[in-house]
Amino acid sequence: MHQLERASDCLRTLSHPIRLRIVQLLIRDRFSVGELATECGIQNHMASEHLRLMQRAGLLVSRRSGRKIFYSLAKPDLIQLMECIERCMGDQHE
């Protein structure tokens, strides 16, 4: 049951369109808070909050480079999860 609880926590953390978009972006490359905010069309403080939640859940890692902090995926398995979500949702009609 512990594994299912962790899976539930992970999915709960990802259950926001901005956080899913962040994962899509981080699949491609590492990004700073400002870059992610721009790509997602949100303010920096909102991007920081999403990143904080995702990092606390163990989904992201951060690395400082000069004055910026760059984020990347902590779990490569998120790539397959996003591919599965995109495949499943690709069949949906809006």
PDB file of N, CA and C in Angstrom:
ATOM      1  N   MET A   1       0.817  -1.197   0.000  1.00  0.00           N
ATOM      2  CA  MET A   1       0.000   0.000   0.000  1.00  0.00           C
ATOM      3  C   MET A   1       0.864   1.264   0.000  1.00  0.00           C
ATOM      4  N   HIS A   2       2.046   1.193   0.600  1.00  0.00           N
ATOM      5  CA  HIS A   2       2.933   2.355   0.673  1.00  0.00           C
ATOM      6  C   HIS A   2       3.292   2.858  -0.725  1.00  0.00           C
ATOM      7  N   GLN A   3       3.527   1.946  -1.643  1.00  0.00           N
ATOM      8  CA  GLN A   3       3.865   2.328  -3.016  1.00  0.00           C
ATOM      9  C   GLN A   3       2.697   3.056  -3.684  1.00  0.00           C
ATOM     10  N   LEU A   4       1.476   2.609  -3.427  1.00  0.00           N
ATOM     11  CA  LEU A   4       0.302   3.274  -3.991  1.00  0.00           C
ATOM     12  C   LEU A   4       0.113   4.670  -3.397  1.00  0.00           C
ATOM     13  N   GLU A   5       0.433   4.827  -2.131  1.00  0.00           N
ATOM     14  CA  GLU A   5       0.345   6.150  -1.510  1.00  0.00           C
ATOM     15  C   GLU A   5       1.354   7.106  -2.132  1.00  0.00           C
ATOM     16  N   ARG A   6       2.565   6.622  -2.391  1.00  0.00           N
ATOM     17  CA  ARG A   6       3.575   7.471  -3.040  1.00  0.00           C
ATOM     18  C   ARG A   6       3.156   7.828  -4.452  1.00  0.00           C
ATOM     19  N   ALA A   7       2.574   6.865  -5.170  1.00  0.00           N
ATOM     20  CA  ALA A   7       2.087   7.141  -6.527  1.00  0.00           C
ATOM     21  C   ALA A   7       0.975   8.179  -6.486  1.00  0.00           C
ATOM     22  N   SER A   8       0.094   8.053  -5.508  1.00  0.00           N
ATOM     23  CA  SER A   8      -0.995   9.015  -5.353  1.00  0.00           C
ATOM     24  C   SER A   8      -0.454  10.411  -5.060  1.00  0.00           C
ATOM     25  N   ASP A   9       0.546  10.508  -4.197  1.00  0.00           N
ATOM     26  CA  ASP A   9       1.166  11.802  -3.889  1.00  0.00           C
ATOM     27  C   ASP A   9       1.802  12.418  -5.132  1.00  0.00           C
ATOM     28  N   CYS A  10       2.478  11.603  -5.914  1.00  0.00           N
ATOM     29  CA  CYS A  10       3.108  12.080  -7.148  1.00  0.00           C
ATOM     30  C   CYS A  10       2.060  12.611  -8.113  1.00  0.00           C
ATOM     31  N   LEU A  11       1.006  11.849  -8.320  1.00  0.00           N
ATOM     32  CA  LEU A  11      -0.046  12.269  -9.251  1.00  0.00           C
ATOM     33  C   LEU A  11      -0.772  13.512  -8.747  1.00  0.00           C
ATOM     34  N   ARG A  12      -0.951  13.614  -7.443  1.00  0.00           N
ATOM     35  CA  ARG A  12      -1.590  14.799  -6.865  1.00  0.00           C
ATOM     36  C   ARG A  12      -0.726  16.035  -7.136  1.00  0.00           C
ATOM     37  N   THR A  13       0.576  15.889  -6.977  1.00  0.00           N
ATOM     38  CA  THR A  13       1.483  17.010  -7.239  1.00  0.00           C
ATOM     39  C   THR A  13       1.434  17.417  -8.704  1.00  0.00           C
ATOM     40  N   LEU A  14       1.333  16.458  -9.597  1.00  0.00           N
ATOM     41  CA  LEU A  14       1.313  16.743 -11.034  1.00  0.00           C
ATOM     42  C   LEU A  14      -0.050  17.192 -11.542  1.00  0.00           C
ATOM     43  N   SER A  15      -1.060  17.150 -10.699  1.00  0.00           N
ATOM     44  CA  SER A  15      -2.430  17.395 -11.166  1.00  0.00           C
ATOM     45  C   SER A  15      -2.768  18.878 -11.318  1.00  0.00           C
ATOM     46  N   HIS A  16      -1.875  19.604 -11.934  1.00  0.00           N
ATOM     47  CA  HIS A  16      -2.107  21.020 -12.246  1.00  0.00           C
ATOM     48  C   HIS A  16      -1.525  21.275 -13.635  1.00  0.00           C
ATOM     49  N   PRO A  17      -2.254  21.950 -14.503  1.00  0.00           N
ATOM     50  CA  PRO A  17      -1.771  22.164 -15.880  1.00  0.00           C
ATOM     51  C   PRO A  17      -0.405  22.845 -15.961  1.00  0.00           C
ATOM     52  N   ILE A  18      -0.126  23.771 -15.065  1.00  0.00           N
ATOM     53  CA  ILE A  18       1.179  24.449 -15.096  1.00  0.00           C
ATOM     54  C   ILE A  18       2.290  23.467 -14.738  1.00  0.00           C
ATOM     55  N   ARG A  19       2.050  22.629 -13.747  1.00  0.00           N
ATOM     56  CA  ARG A  19       3.079  21.664 -13.355  1.00  0.00           C
ATOM     57  C   ARG A  19       3.308  20.630 -14.447  1.00  0.00           C
ATOM     58  N   LEU A  20       2.257  20.231 -15.138  1.00  0.00           N
ATOM     59  CA  LEU A  20       2.433  19.326 -16.277  1.00  0.00           C
ATOM     60  C   LEU A  20       3.237  20.007 -17.379  1.00  0.00           C
ATOM     61  N   ARG A  21       2.975  21.285 -17.614  1.00  0.00           N
ATOM     62  CA  ARG A  21       3.735  22.037 -18.614  1.00  0.00           C
ATOM     63  C   ARG A  21       5.202  22.147 -18.206  1.00  0.00           C
ATOM     64  N   ILE A  22       5.457  22.355 -16.924  1.00  0.00           N
ATOM     65  CA  ILE A  22       6.835  22.415 -16.434  1.00  0.00           C
ATOM     66  C   ILE A  22       7.551  21.101 -16.721  1.00  0.00           C
ATOM     67  N   VAL A  23       6.892  19.984 -16.473  1.00  0.00           N
ATOM     68  CA  VAL A  23       7.508  18.684 -16.769  1.00  0.00           C
ATOM     69  C   VAL A  23       7.797  18.575 -18.260  1.00  0.00           C
ATOM     70  N   GLN A  24       6.832  18.964 -19.108  1.00  0.00           N
ATOM     71  CA  GLN A  24       7.069  18.935 -20.558  1.00  0.00           C
ATOM     72  C   GLN A  24       8.321  19.722 -20.924  1.00  0.00           C
ATOM     73  N   LEU A  25       8.472  20.890 -20.349  1.00  0.00           N
ATOM     74  CA  LEU A  25       9.633  21.731 -20.651  1.00  0.00           C
ATOM     75  C   LEU A  25      10.924  21.111 -20.139  1.00  0.00           C
ATOM     76  N   LEU A  26      10.890  20.575 -18.925  1.00  0.00           N
ATOM     77  CA  LEU A  26      12.099  20.019 -18.328  1.00  0.00           C
ATOM     78  C   LEU A  26      12.522  18.707 -18.974  1.00  0.00           C
ATOM     79  N   ILE A  27      11.639  18.087 -19.712  1.00  0.00           N
ATOM     80  CA  ILE A  27      12.029  16.910 -20.491  1.00  0.00           C
ATOM     81  C   ILE A  27      13.049  17.328 -21.550  1.00  0.00           C
ATOM     82  N   ARG A  28      12.880  18.529 -22.083  1.00  0.00           N
ATOM     83  CA  ARG A  28      13.759  19.033 -23.147  1.00  0.00           C
ATOM     84  C   ARG A  28      15.101  19.531 -22.636  1.00  0.00           C
ATOM     85  N   ASP A  29      15.095  20.199 -21.468  1.00  0.00           N
ATOM     86  CA  ASP A  29      16.317  20.855 -20.999  1.00  0.00           C
ATOM     87  C   ASP A  29      16.113  21.333 -19.569  1.00  0.00           C
ATOM     88  N   ARG A  30      17.151  21.875 -18.979  1.00  0.00           N
ATOM     89  CA  ARG A  30      17.020  22.510 -17.659  1.00  0.00           C
ATOM     90  C   ARG A  30      16.604  23.960 -17.875  1.00  0.00           C
ATOM     91  N   PHE A  31      15.894  24.513 -16.903  1.00  0.00           N
ATOM     92  CA  PHE A  31      15.384  25.877 -17.007  1.00  0.00           C
ATOM     93  C   PHE A  31      15.521  26.587 -15.669  1.00  0.00           C
ATOM     94  N   SER A  32      15.656  27.902 -15.722  1.00  0.00           N
ATOM     95  CA  SER A  32      15.621  28.725 -14.510  1.00  0.00           C
ATOM     96  C   SER A  32      14.165  29.075 -14.202  1.00  0.00           C
ATOM     97  N   VAL A  33      13.942  29.625 -13.025  1.00  0.00           N
ATOM     98  CA  VAL A  33      12.593  30.046 -12.637  1.00  0.00           C
ATOM     99  C   VAL A  33      12.033  31.030 -13.655  1.00  0.00           C
ATOM    100  N   GLY A  34      12.815  32.038 -13.999  1.00  0.00           N
ATOM    101  CA  GLY A  34      12.357  33.063 -14.940  1.00  0.00           C
ATOM    102  C   GLY A  34      12.022  32.497 -16.303  1.00  0.00           C
ATOM    103  N   GLU A  35      12.843  31.573 -16.780  1.00  0.00           N
ATOM    104  CA  GLU A  35      12.585  30.951 -18.082  1.00  0.00           C
ATOM    105  C   GLU A  35      11.297  30.138 -18.052  1.00  0.00           C
ATOM    106  N   LEU A  36      11.109  29.383 -16.971  1.00  0.00           N
ATOM    107  CA  LEU A  36       9.883  28.588 -16.848  1.00  0.00           C
ATOM    108  C   LEU A  36       8.659  29.487 -16.735  1.00  0.00           C
ATOM    109  N   ALA A  37       8.779  30.563 -15.976  1.00  0.00           N
ATOM    110  CA  ALA A  37       7.663  31.500 -15.837  1.00  0.00           C
ATOM    111  C   ALA A  37       7.277  32.062 -17.199  1.00  0.00           C
ATOM    112  N   THR A  38       8.261  32.467 -17.978  1.00  0.00           N
ATOM    113  CA  THR A  38       7.999  33.012 -19.316  1.00  0.00           C
ATOM    114  C   THR A  38       7.341  31.969 -20.206  1.00  0.00           C
ATOM    115  N   GLU A  39       7.886  30.771 -20.226  1.00  0.00           N
ATOM    116  CA  GLU A  39       7.346  29.696 -21.067  1.00  0.00           C
ATOM    117  C   GLU A  39       5.916  29.324 -20.679  1.00  0.00           C
ATOM    118  N   CYS A  40       5.617  29.416 -19.386  1.00  0.00           N
ATOM    119  CA  CYS A  40       4.284  29.045 -18.889  1.00  0.00           C
ATOM    120  C   CYS A  40       3.316  30.221 -18.859  1.00  0.00           C
ATOM    121  N   GLY A  41       3.810  31.421 -19.094  1.00  0.00           N
ATOM    122  CA  GLY A  41       2.948  32.597 -19.079  1.00  0.00           C
ATOM    123  C   GLY A  41       2.462  32.980 -17.694  1.00  0.00           C
ATOM    124  N   ILE A  42       3.319  32.773 -16.688  1.00  0.00           N
ATOM    125  CA  ILE A  42       2.962  33.113 -15.312  1.00  0.00           C
ATOM    126  C   ILE A  42       4.060  33.987 -14.714  1.00  0.00           C
ATOM    127  N   GLN A  43       3.780  34.562 -13.549  1.00  0.00           N
ATOM    128  CA  GLN A  43       4.767  35.388 -12.859  1.00  0.00           C
ATOM    129  C   GLN A  43       5.803  34.506 -12.164  1.00  0.00           C
ATOM    130  N   ASN A  44       6.983  35.075 -11.937  1.00  0.00           N
ATOM    131  CA  ASN A  44       8.077  34.319 -11.321  1.00  0.00           C
ATOM    132  C   ASN A  44       7.694  33.710  -9.976  1.00  0.00           C
ATOM    133  N   HIS A  45       6.970  34.463  -9.139  1.00  0.00           N
ATOM    134  CA  HIS A  45       6.640  33.930  -7.817  1.00  0.00           C
ATOM    135  C   HIS A  45       5.709  32.720  -7.917  1.00  0.00           C
ATOM    136  N   MET A  46       4.859  32.694  -8.931  1.00  0.00           N
ATOM    137  CA  MET A  46       3.985  31.527  -9.120  1.00  0.00           C
ATOM    138  C   MET A  46       4.801  30.329  -9.608  1.00  0.00           C
ATOM    139  N   ALA A  47       5.729  30.572 -10.516  1.00  0.00           N
ATOM    140  CA  ALA A  47       6.606  29.492 -10.984  1.00  0.00           C
ATOM    141  C   ALA A  47       7.407  28.934  -9.811  1.00  0.00           C
ATOM    142  N   SER A  48       7.911  29.814  -8.959  1.00  0.00           N
ATOM    143  CA  SER A  48       8.675  29.376  -7.787  1.00  0.00           C
ATOM    144  C   SER A  48       7.848  28.480  -6.881  1.00  0.00           C
ATOM    145  N   GLU A  49       6.591  28.827  -6.688  1.00  0.00           N
ATOM    146  CA  GLU A  49       5.717  28.012  -5.832  1.00  0.00           C
ATOM    147  C   GLU A  49       5.486  26.626  -6.442  1.00  0.00           C
ATOM    148  N   HIS A  50       5.213  26.569  -7.735  1.00  0.00           N
ATOM    149  CA  HIS A  50       5.040  25.269  -8.398  1.00  0.00           C
ATOM    150  C   HIS A  50       6.322  24.444  -8.287  1.00  0.00           C
ATOM    151  N   LEU A  51       7.460  25.074  -8.525  1.00  0.00           N
ATOM    152  CA  LEU A  51       8.742  24.371  -8.450  1.00  0.00           C
ATOM    153  C   LEU A  51       9.018  23.881  -7.035  1.00  0.00           C
ATOM    154  N   ARG A  52       8.677  24.678  -6.047  1.00  0.00           N
ATOM    155  CA  ARG A  52       8.877  24.276  -4.650  1.00  0.00           C
ATOM    156  C   ARG A  52       8.080  23.019  -4.327  1.00  0.00           C
ATOM    157  N   LEU A  53       6.816  22.994  -4.750  1.00  0.00           N
ATOM    158  CA  LEU A  53       5.976  21.819  -4.506  1.00  0.00           C
ATOM    159  C   LEU A  53       6.527  20.587  -5.215  1.00  0.00           C
ATOM    160  N   MET A  54       6.956  20.774  -6.444  1.00  0.00           N
ATOM    161  CA  MET A  54       7.473  19.650  -7.220  1.00  0.00           C
ATOM    162  C   MET A  54       8.801  19.144  -6.658  1.00  0.00           C
ATOM    163  N   GLN A  55       9.638  20.062  -6.211  1.00  0.00           N
ATOM    164  CA  GLN A  55      10.917  19.659  -5.634  1.00  0.00           C
ATOM    165  C   GLN A  55      10.702  18.945  -4.300  1.00  0.00           C
ATOM    166  N   ARG A  56       9.779  19.455  -3.498  1.00  0.00           N
ATOM    167  CA  ARG A  56       9.472  18.820  -2.213  1.00  0.00           C
ATOM    168  C   ARG A  56       8.953  17.394  -2.409  1.00  0.00           C
ATOM    169  N   ALA A  57       8.236  17.168  -3.524  1.00  0.00           N
ATOM    170  CA  ALA A  57       7.718  15.833  -3.830  1.00  0.00           C
ATOM    171  C   ALA A  57       8.788  14.925  -4.436  1.00  0.00           C
ATOM    172  N   GLY A  58       9.989  15.471  -4.641  1.00  0.00           N
ATOM    173  CA  GLY A  58      11.078  14.657  -5.171  1.00  0.00           C
ATOM    174  C   GLY A  58      11.079  14.524  -6.682  1.00  0.00           C
ATOM    175  N   LEU A  59      10.301  15.365  -7.366  1.00  0.00           N
ATOM    176  CA  LEU A  59      10.204  15.272  -8.820  1.00  0.00           C
ATOM    177  C   LEU A  59      11.287  16.070  -9.533  1.00  0.00           C
ATOM    178  N   LEU A  60      11.835  17.076  -8.851  1.00  0.00           N
ATOM    179  CA  LEU A  60      12.822  17.963  -9.463  1.00  0.00           C
ATOM    180  C   LEU A  60      14.079  18.046  -8.616  1.00  0.00           C
ATOM    181  N   VAL A  61      15.169  18.404  -9.284  1.00  0.00           N
ATOM    182  CA  VAL A  61      16.406  18.767  -8.598  1.00  0.00           C
ATOM    183  C   VAL A  61      16.798  20.151  -9.090  1.00  0.00           C
ATOM    184  N   SER A  62      17.564  20.853  -8.271  1.00  0.00           N
ATOM    185  CA  SER A  62      18.010  22.190  -8.662  1.00  0.00           C
ATOM    186  C   SER A  62      19.520  22.273  -8.534  1.00  0.00           C
ATOM    187  N   ARG A  63      20.087  23.139  -9.363  1.00  0.00           N
ATOM    188  CA  ARG A  63      21.530  23.364  -9.335  1.00  0.00           C
ATOM    189  C   ARG A  63      21.787  24.840  -9.593  1.00  0.00           C
ATOM    190  N   ARG A  64      22.609  25.425  -8.743  1.00  0.00           N
ATOM    191  CA  ARG A  64      22.955  26.838  -8.895  1.00  0.00           C
ATOM    192  C   ARG A  64      24.075  26.973  -9.923  1.00  0.00           C
ATOM    193  N   SER A  65      23.898  27.969 -10.791  1.00  0.00           N
ATOM    194  CA  SER A  65      24.932  28.323 -11.760  1.00  0.00           C
ATOM    195  C   SER A  65      25.028  29.844 -11.760  1.00  0.00           C
ATOM    196  N   GLY A  66      26.060  30.357 -11.110  1.00  0.00           N
ATOM    197  CA  GLY A  66      26.169  31.804 -10.953  1.00  0.00           C
ATOM    198  C   GLY A  66      25.065  32.311 -10.048  1.00  0.00           C
ATOM    199  N   ARG A  67      24.296  33.256 -10.550  1.00  0.00           N
ATOM    200  CA  ARG A  67      23.208  33.830  -9.750  1.00  0.00           C
ATOM    201  C   ARG A  67      21.871  33.138  -9.984  1.00  0.00           C
ATOM    202  N   LYS A  68      21.828  32.203 -10.913  1.00  0.00           N
ATOM    203  CA  LYS A  68      20.564  31.535 -11.243  1.00  0.00           C
ATOM    204  C   LYS A  68      20.539  30.111 -10.706  1.00  0.00           C
ATOM    205  N   ILE A  69      19.326  29.657 -10.449  1.00  0.00           N
ATOM    206  CA  ILE A  69      19.106  28.261 -10.073  1.00  0.00           C
ATOM    207  C   ILE A  69      18.373  27.606 -11.233  1.00  0.00           C
ATOM    208  N   PHE A  70      18.917  26.491 -11.690  1.00  0.00           N
ATOM    209  CA  PHE A  70      18.315  25.760 -12.797  1.00  0.00           C
ATOM    210  C   PHE A  70      17.683  24.477 -12.276  1.00  0.00           C
ATOM    211  N   TYR A  71      16.528  24.160 -12.832  1.00  0.00           N
ATOM    212  CA  TYR A  71      15.770  22.981 -12.426  1.00  0.00           C
ATOM    213  C   TYR A  71      15.804  21.939 -13.528  1.00  0.00           C
ATOM    214  N   SER A  72      15.809  20.677 -13.097  1.00  0.00           N
ATOM    215  CA  SER A  72      15.721  19.564 -14.040  1.00  0.00           C
ATOM    216  C   SER A  72      14.952  18.434 -13.364  1.00  0.00           C
ATOM    217  N   LEU A  73      14.579  17.449 -14.158  1.00  0.00           N
ATOM    218  CA  LEU A  73      13.809  16.327 -13.622  1.00  0.00           C
ATOM    219  C   LEU A  73      14.690  15.444 -12.754  1.00  0.00           C
ATOM    220  N   ALA A  74      14.181  15.057 -11.611  1.00  0.00           N
ATOM    221  CA  ALA A  74      14.893  14.150 -10.718  1.00  0.00           C
ATOM    222  C   ALA A  74      14.631  12.704 -11.097  1.00  0.00           C
ATOM    223  N   LYS A  75      13.502  12.478 -11.753  1.00  0.00           N
ATOM    224  CA  LYS A  75      13.087  11.117 -12.089  1.00  0.00           C
ATOM    225  C   LYS A  75      12.885  10.996 -13.598  1.00  0.00           C
ATOM    226  N   PRO A  76      13.792  10.318 -14.280  1.00  0.00           N
ATOM    227  CA  PRO A  76      13.638  10.143 -15.730  1.00  0.00           C
ATOM    228  C   PRO A  76      12.338   9.425 -16.111  1.00  0.00           C
ATOM    229  N   ASP A  77      11.761   8.679 -15.181  1.00  0.00           N
ATOM    230  CA  ASP A  77      10.504   7.981 -15.467  1.00  0.00           C
ATOM    231  C   ASP A  77       9.358   8.945 -15.749  1.00  0.00           C
ATOM    232  N   LEU A  78       9.512  10.205 -15.367  1.00  0.00           N
ATOM    233  CA  LEU A  78       8.479  11.200 -15.678  1.00  0.00           C
ATOM    234  C   LEU A  78       8.317  11.377 -17.185  1.00  0.00           C
ATOM    235  N   ILE A  79       9.361  11.085 -17.934  1.00  0.00           N
ATOM    236  CA  ILE A  79       9.269  11.181 -19.397  1.00  0.00           C
ATOM    237  C   ILE A  79       8.233  10.187 -19.908  1.00  0.00           C
ATOM    238  N   GLN A  80       8.329   8.942 -19.458  1.00  0.00           N
ATOM    239  CA  GLN A  80       7.366   7.928 -19.891  1.00  0.00           C
ATOM    240  C   GLN A  80       5.963   8.241 -19.385  1.00  0.00           C
ATOM    241  N   LEU A  81       5.866   8.762 -18.178  1.00  0.00           N
ATOM    242  CA  LEU A  81       4.557   9.130 -17.642  1.00  0.00           C
ATOM    243  C   LEU A  81       3.915  10.212 -18.499  1.00  0.00           C
ATOM    244  N   MET A  82       4.682  11.233 -18.875  1.00  0.00           N
ATOM    245  CA  MET A  82       4.143  12.306 -19.721  1.00  0.00           C
ATOM    246  C   MET A  82       3.766  11.779 -21.102  1.00  0.00           C
ATOM    247  N   GLU A  83       4.569  10.888 -21.653  1.00  0.00           N
ATOM    248  CA  GLU A  83       4.234  10.299 -22.955  1.00  0.00           C
ATOM    249  C   GLU A  83       2.913   9.545 -22.874  1.00  0.00           C
ATOM    250  N   CYS A  84       2.711   8.808 -21.784  1.00  0.00           N
ATOM    251  CA  CYS A  84       1.463   8.070 -21.588  1.00  0.00           C
ATOM    252  C   CYS A  84       0.279   9.029 -21.474  1.00  0.00           C
ATOM    253  N   ILE A  85       0.432  10.082 -20.685  1.00  0.00           N
ATOM    254  CA  ILE A  85      -0.642  11.071 -20.525  1.00  0.00           C
ATOM    255  C   ILE A  85      -0.974  11.711 -21.862  1.00  0.00           C
ATOM    256  N   GLU A  86       0.057  12.104 -22.603  1.00  0.00           N
ATOM    257  CA  GLU A  86      -0.163  12.761 -23.893  1.00  0.00           C
ATOM    258  C   GLU A  86      -0.837  11.824 -24.892  1.00  0.00           C
ATOM    259  N   ARG A  87      -0.450  10.537 -24.872  1.00  0.00           N
ATOM    260  CA  ARG A  87      -1.102   9.556 -25.761  1.00  0.00           C
ATOM    261  C   ARG A  87      -2.569   9.391 -25.399  1.00  0.00           C
ATOM    262  N   CYS A  88      -2.840   9.243 -24.115  1.00  0.00           N
ATOM    263  CA  CYS A  88      -4.224   9.045 -23.663  1.00  0.00           C
ATOM    264  C   CYS A  88      -5.085  10.264 -23.947  1.00  0.00           C
ATOM    265  N   MET A  89      -4.554  11.447 -23.723  1.00  0.00           N
ATOM    266  CA  MET A  89      -5.319  12.674 -23.932  1.00  0.00           C
ATOM    267  C   MET A  89      -5.377  13.065 -25.401  1.00  0.00           C
ATOM    268  N   GLY A  90      -4.487  12.538 -26.203  1.00  0.00           N
ATOM    269  CA  GLY A  90      -4.492  12.841 -27.632  1.00  0.00           C
ATOM    270  C   GLY A  90      -5.732  12.323 -28.330  1.00  0.00           C
ATOM    271  N   ASP A  91      -6.373  11.331 -27.742  1.00  0.00           N
ATOM    272  CA  ASP A  91      -7.585  10.753 -28.328  1.00  0.00           C
ATOM    273  C   ASP A  91      -8.845  11.485 -27.885  1.00  0.00           C
ATOM    274  N   GLN A  92      -8.712  12.433 -26.961  1.00  0.00           N
ATOM    275  CA  GLN A  92      -9.872  13.151 -26.437  1.00  0.00           C
ATOM    276  C   GLN A  92     -10.283  14.264 -27.383  1.00  0.00           C
ATOM    277  N   HIS A  93     -11.573  14.476 -27.503  1.00  0.00           N
ATOM    278  CA  HIS A  93     -12.094  15.596 -28.288  1.00  0.00           C
ATOM    279  C   HIS A  93     -12.434  16.724 -27.335  1.00  0.00           C
ATOM    280  N   GLU A  94     -12.043  17.936 -27.688  1.00  0.00           N
ATOM    281  CA  GLU A  94     -12.294  19.085 -26.801  1.00  0.00           C
ATOM    282  C   GLU A  94     -13.687  19.611 -26.961  1.00  0.00           C
TER     283      GLU A  94
END
